[in-house]
Amino acid sequence: MTKDNVTLDNLGDAMFEAARTTFGSKFILVKQYLKAESEKLAITLRMIIEGSAKQEIGKAEAKILLNQQKVATAAVLTAAEGMTAVAVQAAINAALKIVKDFVNSEIGFPLL
């Protein structure tokens, strides 16, 4: 999946696919966690997009909400089979990079 194919409906799948390549041979160890955490990140991003569109969520709150979910995702993936923080952060960064342009254009400010 490319950045140009990202939609509200496939945010979780796009991030999952982008992150999976960063784990290499350890992907099998974190697959079930990565799928769930990718969807949680997607839910948070959808909430930010929708709240921003309704002017219910501002930049500061959006950044806090995203950071909270990133920290939670990192904790789950780091705990899964002894993944290192560096590998987990690389996966999160890859996942968010693939949806960056879509999310930022939807909310009208650079969140990612």
C-alpha atoms as a PDB file:
ATOM      1  CA  MET A   1       0.000   0.000   0.000  1.00  0.00           C
ATOM      2  CA  THR A   2       1.283   3.468  -0.831  1.00  0.00           C
ATOM      3  CA  LYS A   3       0.698   6.810   0.844  1.00  0.00           C
ATOM      4  CA  ASP A   4      -1.583   7.770  -2.050  1.00  0.00           C
ATOM      5  CA  ASN A   5      -3.973   4.894  -1.286  1.00  0.00           C
ATOM      6  CA  VAL A   6      -4.679   5.837   2.342  1.00  0.00           C
ATOM      7  CA  THR A   7      -8.297   6.505   3.326  1.00  0.00           C
ATOM      8  CA  LEU A   8     -10.220   6.774   6.605  1.00  0.00           C
ATOM      9  CA  ASP A   9     -11.341   3.187   6.121  1.00  0.00           C
ATOM     10  CA  ASN A  10      -7.894   1.644   5.656  1.00  0.00           C
ATOM     11  CA  LEU A  11      -5.727   3.619   8.098  1.00  0.00           C
ATOM     12  CA  GLY A  12      -5.139   0.589  10.351  1.00  0.00           C
ATOM     13  CA  ASP A  13      -4.292  -1.726   7.464  1.00  0.00           C
ATOM     14  CA  ALA A  14      -1.948   0.837   5.911  1.00  0.00           C
ATOM     15  CA  MET A  15      -0.072   1.315   9.171  1.00  0.00           C
ATOM     16  CA  PHE A  16       0.066  -2.439   9.834  1.00  0.00           C
ATOM     17  CA  GLU A  17       1.612  -3.121   6.431  1.00  0.00           C
ATOM     18  CA  ALA A  18       4.142  -0.290   6.777  1.00  0.00           C
ATOM     19  CA  ALA A  19       5.165  -1.384  10.279  1.00  0.00           C
ATOM     20  CA  ARG A  20       5.394  -5.102   9.542  1.00  0.00           C
ATOM     21  CA  THR A  21       8.393  -4.682   7.260  1.00  0.00           C
ATOM     22  CA  THR A  22      10.432  -3.081  10.048  1.00  0.00           C
ATOM     23  CA  PHE A  23      10.219  -6.180  12.243  1.00  0.00           C
ATOM     24  CA  GLY A  24      11.842  -8.550   9.761  1.00  0.00           C
ATOM     25  CA  SER A  25      12.088 -12.081  11.159  1.00  0.00           C
ATOM     26  CA  LYS A  26      10.549 -11.012  14.475  1.00  0.00           C
ATOM     27  CA  PHE A  27       7.283 -10.074  12.775  1.00  0.00           C
ATOM     28  CA  ILE A  28       5.739 -13.459  13.535  1.00  0.00           C
ATOM     29  CA  LEU A  29       6.294 -12.806  17.270  1.00  0.00           C
ATOM     30  CA  VAL A  30       4.366  -9.530  17.285  1.00  0.00           C
ATOM     31  CA  LYS A  31       1.880 -10.007  14.440  1.00  0.00           C
ATOM     32  CA  GLN A  32      -1.266 -10.271  16.568  1.00  0.00           C
ATOM     33  CA  TYR A  33      -0.221  -7.331  18.749  1.00  0.00           C
ATOM     34  CA  LEU A  34       0.819  -5.201  15.789  1.00  0.00           C
ATOM     35  CA  LYS A  35      -2.529  -5.722  14.068  1.00  0.00           C
ATOM     36  CA  ALA A  36      -4.473  -4.678  17.176  1.00  0.00           C
ATOM     37  CA  GLU A  37      -2.216  -1.720  17.947  1.00  0.00           C
ATOM     38  CA  SER A  38      -2.332  -0.491  14.345  1.00  0.00           C
ATOM     39  CA  GLU A  39      -6.108  -0.396  14.553  1.00  0.00           C
ATOM     40  CA  LYS A  40      -5.979   1.430  17.907  1.00  0.00           C
ATOM     41  CA  LEU A  41      -3.727   4.057  16.332  1.00  0.00           C
ATOM     42  CA  ALA A  42      -6.156   4.281  13.414  1.00  0.00           C
ATOM     43  CA  ILE A  43      -9.106   4.768  15.773  1.00  0.00           C
ATOM     44  CA  THR A  44      -7.251   7.586  17.530  1.00  0.00           C
ATOM     45  CA  LEU A  45      -6.372   9.235  14.222  1.00  0.00           C
ATOM     46  CA  ARG A  46      -9.961   8.936  12.976  1.00  0.00           C
ATOM     47  CA  MET A  47     -11.160  10.527  16.220  1.00  0.00           C
ATOM     48  CA  ILE A  48      -8.670  13.372  15.754  1.00  0.00           C
ATOM     49  CA  ILE A  49      -9.717  13.879  12.123  1.00  0.00           C
ATOM     50  CA  GLU A  50     -13.416  13.899  12.977  1.00  0.00           C
ATOM     51  CA  GLY A  51     -12.960  16.095  16.056  1.00  0.00           C
ATOM     52  CA  SER A  52     -10.809  18.515  14.117  1.00  0.00           C
ATOM     53  CA  ALA A  53     -13.391  18.743  11.336  1.00  0.00           C
ATOM     54  CA  LYS A  54     -16.042  19.624  13.926  1.00  0.00           C
ATOM     55  CA  GLN A  55     -13.602  22.006  15.636  1.00  0.00           C
ATOM     56  CA  GLU A  56     -13.929  19.988  18.845  1.00  0.00           C
ATOM     57  CA  ILE A  57     -10.218  19.083  18.938  1.00  0.00           C
ATOM     58  CA  GLY A  58      -7.429  21.625  18.530  1.00  0.00           C
ATOM     59  CA  LYS A  59      -3.756  21.138  17.667  1.00  0.00           C
ATOM     60  CA  ALA A  60      -2.583  20.764  21.258  1.00  0.00           C
ATOM     61  CA  GLU A  61      -5.224  18.185  22.154  1.00  0.00           C
ATOM     62  CA  ALA A  62      -4.619  16.289  18.906  1.00  0.00           C
ATOM     63  CA  LYS A  63      -0.911  16.046  19.693  1.00  0.00           C
ATOM     64  CA  ILE A  64      -1.618  14.855  23.233  1.00  0.00           C
ATOM     65  CA  LEU A  65      -4.095  12.218  22.044  1.00  0.00           C
ATOM     66  CA  LEU A  66      -1.676  10.944  19.399  1.00  0.00           C
ATOM     67  CA  ASN A  67       1.234  10.847  21.831  1.00  0.00           C
ATOM     68  CA  GLN A  68      -0.808   8.914  24.399  1.00  0.00           C
ATOM     69  CA  GLN A  69      -1.672   6.266  21.819  1.00  0.00           C
ATOM     70  CA  LYS A  70       1.912   6.076  20.537  1.00  0.00           C
ATOM     71  CA  VAL A  71       3.183   5.483  24.091  1.00  0.00           C
ATOM     72  CA  ALA A  72       0.546   2.800  24.687  1.00  0.00           C
ATOM     73  CA  THR A  73       1.383   1.122  21.373  1.00  0.00           C
ATOM     74  CA  ALA A  74       5.095   1.182  22.149  1.00  0.00           C
ATOM     75  CA  ALA A  75       4.502  -0.370  25.566  1.00  0.00           C
ATOM     76  CA  VAL A  76       2.469  -3.253  24.141  1.00  0.00           C
ATOM     77  CA  LEU A  77       4.875  -3.983  21.312  1.00  0.00           C
ATOM     78  CA  THR A  78       7.971  -3.669  23.488  1.00  0.00           C
ATOM     79  CA  ALA A  79       6.509  -6.177  25.923  1.00  0.00           C
ATOM     80  CA  ALA A  80       5.678  -8.641  23.148  1.00  0.00           C
ATOM     81  CA  GLU A  81       8.442 -11.201  23.036  1.00  0.00           C
ATOM     82  CA  GLY A  82      11.163  -8.841  24.236  1.00  0.00           C
ATOM     83  CA  MET A  83      11.099  -6.431  21.325  1.00  0.00           C
ATOM     84  CA  THR A  84      13.569  -3.604  21.686  1.00  0.00           C
ATOM     85  CA  ALA A  85      12.397  -0.031  22.010  1.00  0.00           C
ATOM     86  CA  VAL A  86      14.362   0.865  18.876  1.00  0.00           C
ATOM     87  CA  ALA A  87      12.573  -1.758  16.770  1.00  0.00           C
ATOM     88  CA  VAL A  88       9.201  -0.717  18.143  1.00  0.00           C
ATOM     89  CA  GLN A  89       9.827   2.983  17.520  1.00  0.00           C
ATOM     90  CA  ALA A  90      10.919   2.205  13.950  1.00  0.00           C
ATOM     91  CA  ALA A  91       7.674   0.298  13.393  1.00  0.00           C
ATOM     92  CA  ILE A  92       5.532   3.095  14.829  1.00  0.00           C
ATOM     93  CA  ASN A  93       7.374   5.669  12.731  1.00  0.00           C
ATOM     94  CA  ALA A  94       6.897   3.599   9.561  1.00  0.00           C
ATOM     95  CA  ALA A  95       3.214   3.153  10.343  1.00  0.00           C
ATOM     96  CA  LEU A  96       2.615   6.856  10.883  1.00  0.00           C
ATOM     97  CA  LYS A  97       4.720   7.873   7.876  1.00  0.00           C
ATOM     98  CA  ILE A  98       2.454   5.970   5.492  1.00  0.00           C
ATOM     99  CA  VAL A  99      -0.640   7.866   6.708  1.00  0.00           C
ATOM    100  CA  LYS A 100       1.045  11.237   7.370  1.00  0.00           C
ATOM    101  CA  ASP A 101      -0.037  13.092   4.243  1.00  0.00           C
ATOM    102  CA  PHE A 102      -3.619  11.851   4.460  1.00  0.00           C
ATOM    103  CA  VAL A 103      -4.075  12.662   8.150  1.00  0.00           C
ATOM    104  CA  ASN A 104      -2.401  16.076   7.965  1.00  0.00           C
ATOM    105  CA  SER A 105      -4.466  17.086   4.934  1.00  0.00           C
ATOM    106  CA  GLU A 106      -7.683  15.927   6.616  1.00  0.00           C
ATOM    107  CA  ILE A 107      -7.105  17.945   9.795  1.00  0.00           C
ATOM    108  CA  GLY A 108      -5.497  20.965   8.160  1.00  0.00           C
ATOM    109  CA  PHE A 109      -2.347  21.116  10.310  1.00  0.00           C
ATOM    110  CA  PRO A 110       0.850  19.076  10.646  1.00  0.00           C
ATOM    111  CA  LEU A 111       0.194  16.500  13.360  1.00  0.00           C
ATOM    112  CA  LEU A 112       2.406  13.759  11.931  1.00  0.00           C
END
